[in-house]
Amino acid sequence: MRKAGTILVFVGLIASFGWLNYLDTTFASNLPRVANEATGHTVPISVRHGTQVFASTSDVRRLSLARGLFYFVITCALVGFAIQEVAKRRRAVGSE
């Protein structure tokens, strides 16, 4: 069961990082570098190592969701690994 949990954590990390990296790269290469009110790209955001582009509000929400999901998955992974470590130590102490 622990092995399956570890695999799921790594799959979650890879998937959320992949989505975030995809959006970051796509926005850096496709969004305008100057505000364009005609297309709705008026919100300045920083992507791909500090590149400033202008996004629409839906683009900003999508990137914010991807970043939030990535940080949530990292937090869950760290908590999960800490719980596994505590459980492993308790089993070791209980078997002595």
Protein backbone atom coordinates (compact mmCIF):
# COMPACT_ATOMS: atom_id res chain seq x y z
CA MET A 1 0.00 0.00 0.00
CA ARG A 2 2.86 2.38 0.78
CA LYS A 3 4.40 1.76 -2.62
CA ALA A 4 1.11 2.59 -4.37
CA GLY A 5 0.81 5.81 -2.34
CA THR A 6 4.35 6.82 -3.23
CA ILE A 7 3.71 6.15 -6.92
CA LEU A 8 0.51 8.21 -6.83
CA VAL A 9 2.34 11.11 -5.19
CA PHE A 10 5.04 11.08 -7.87
CA VAL A 11 2.45 10.85 -10.65
CA GLY A 12 0.62 13.84 -9.14
CA LEU A 13 3.83 15.82 -8.89
CA ILE A 14 4.82 15.07 -12.47
CA ALA A 15 1.32 15.82 -13.83
CA SER A 16 0.91 19.10 -11.97
CA PHE A 17 4.46 20.21 -12.85
CA GLY A 18 3.85 19.26 -16.48
CA TRP A 19 0.65 21.31 -16.67
CA LEU A 20 2.29 24.30 -15.01
CA ASN A 21 5.33 24.06 -17.28
CA TYR A 22 3.11 23.72 -20.37
CA LEU A 23 1.10 26.83 -19.49
CA ASP A 24 4.21 28.79 -18.58
CA THR A 25 5.95 27.93 -21.86
CA THR A 26 2.84 28.44 -23.99
CA PHE A 27 2.05 31.80 -22.42
CA ALA A 28 5.65 32.99 -22.79
CA SER A 29 5.73 32.16 -26.48
CA ASN A 30 2.15 33.02 -27.53
CA LEU A 31 0.89 35.95 -25.45
CA PRO A 32 1.63 39.55 -26.45
CA ARG A 33 4.41 41.54 -24.79
CA VAL A 34 2.30 44.72 -24.87
CA ALA A 35 -1.29 45.16 -23.71
CA ASN A 36 -3.89 44.52 -26.39
CA GLU A 37 -7.37 45.64 -25.37
CA ALA A 38 -8.93 44.41 -28.60
CA THR A 39 -8.15 40.78 -27.69
CA GLY A 40 -8.60 41.26 -23.93
CA HIS A 41 -4.94 40.68 -23.08
CA THR A 42 -4.61 43.47 -20.53
CA VAL A 43 -3.41 41.76 -17.32
CA PRO A 44 0.39 41.77 -16.91
CA ILE A 45 1.86 38.47 -15.67
CA SER A 46 5.37 37.15 -15.26
CA VAL A 47 6.16 33.79 -16.88
CA ARG A 48 9.20 31.77 -17.89
CA HIS A 49 12.05 33.29 -15.90
CA GLY A 50 10.54 36.75 -15.54
CA THR A 51 9.24 37.35 -19.06
CA GLN A 52 6.37 39.82 -18.81
CA VAL A 53 3.39 39.17 -21.04
CA PHE A 54 -0.21 40.37 -21.07
CA ALA A 55 -2.93 37.79 -20.53
CA SER A 56 -6.70 37.68 -20.43
CA THR A 57 -8.46 37.15 -17.12
CA SER A 58 -9.23 33.52 -18.04
CA ASP A 59 -5.54 32.91 -18.78
CA VAL A 60 -4.62 34.39 -15.40
CA ARG A 61 -7.16 32.16 -13.63
CA ARG A 62 -5.86 29.07 -15.43
CA LEU A 63 -2.24 29.85 -14.53
CA SER A 64 -3.21 30.64 -10.95
CA LEU A 65 -5.08 27.33 -10.69
CA ALA A 66 -2.09 25.41 -12.08
CA ARG A 67 0.30 27.11 -9.65
CA GLY A 68 -2.05 26.53 -6.71
CA LEU A 69 -2.49 22.86 -7.65
CA PHE A 70 1.26 22.40 -7.93
CA TYR A 71 1.88 23.89 -4.47
CA PHE A 72 -0.98 21.83 -3.02
CA VAL A 73 0.44 18.60 -4.46
CA ILE A 74 3.91 19.42 -3.12
CA THR A 75 2.45 20.08 0.33
CA CYS A 76 0.48 16.83 0.25
CA ALA A 77 3.58 14.93 -0.84
CA LEU A 78 5.67 16.35 1.99
CA VAL A 79 2.98 15.61 4.57
CA GLY A 80 2.48 12.11 3.16
CA PHE A 81 6.19 11.33 3.29
CA ALA A 82 6.41 12.69 6.85
CA ILE A 83 3.49 10.47 7.91
CA GLN A 84 5.16 7.45 6.30
CA GLU A 85 8.41 8.20 8.12
CA VAL A 86 6.66 8.54 11.49
CA ALA A 87 4.77 5.29 10.90
CA LYS A 88 7.99 3.51 9.93
CA ARG A 89 9.72 4.70 13.11
CA ARG A 90 6.77 3.63 15.27
CA ARG A 91 6.81 0.17 13.72
CA ALA A 92 10.56 -0.07 14.35
CA VAL A 93 10.15 0.95 18.02
CA GLY A 94 7.19 -1.41 18.47
CA SER A 95 9.08 -4.42 17.08
CA GLU A 96 11.96 -4.08 19.56
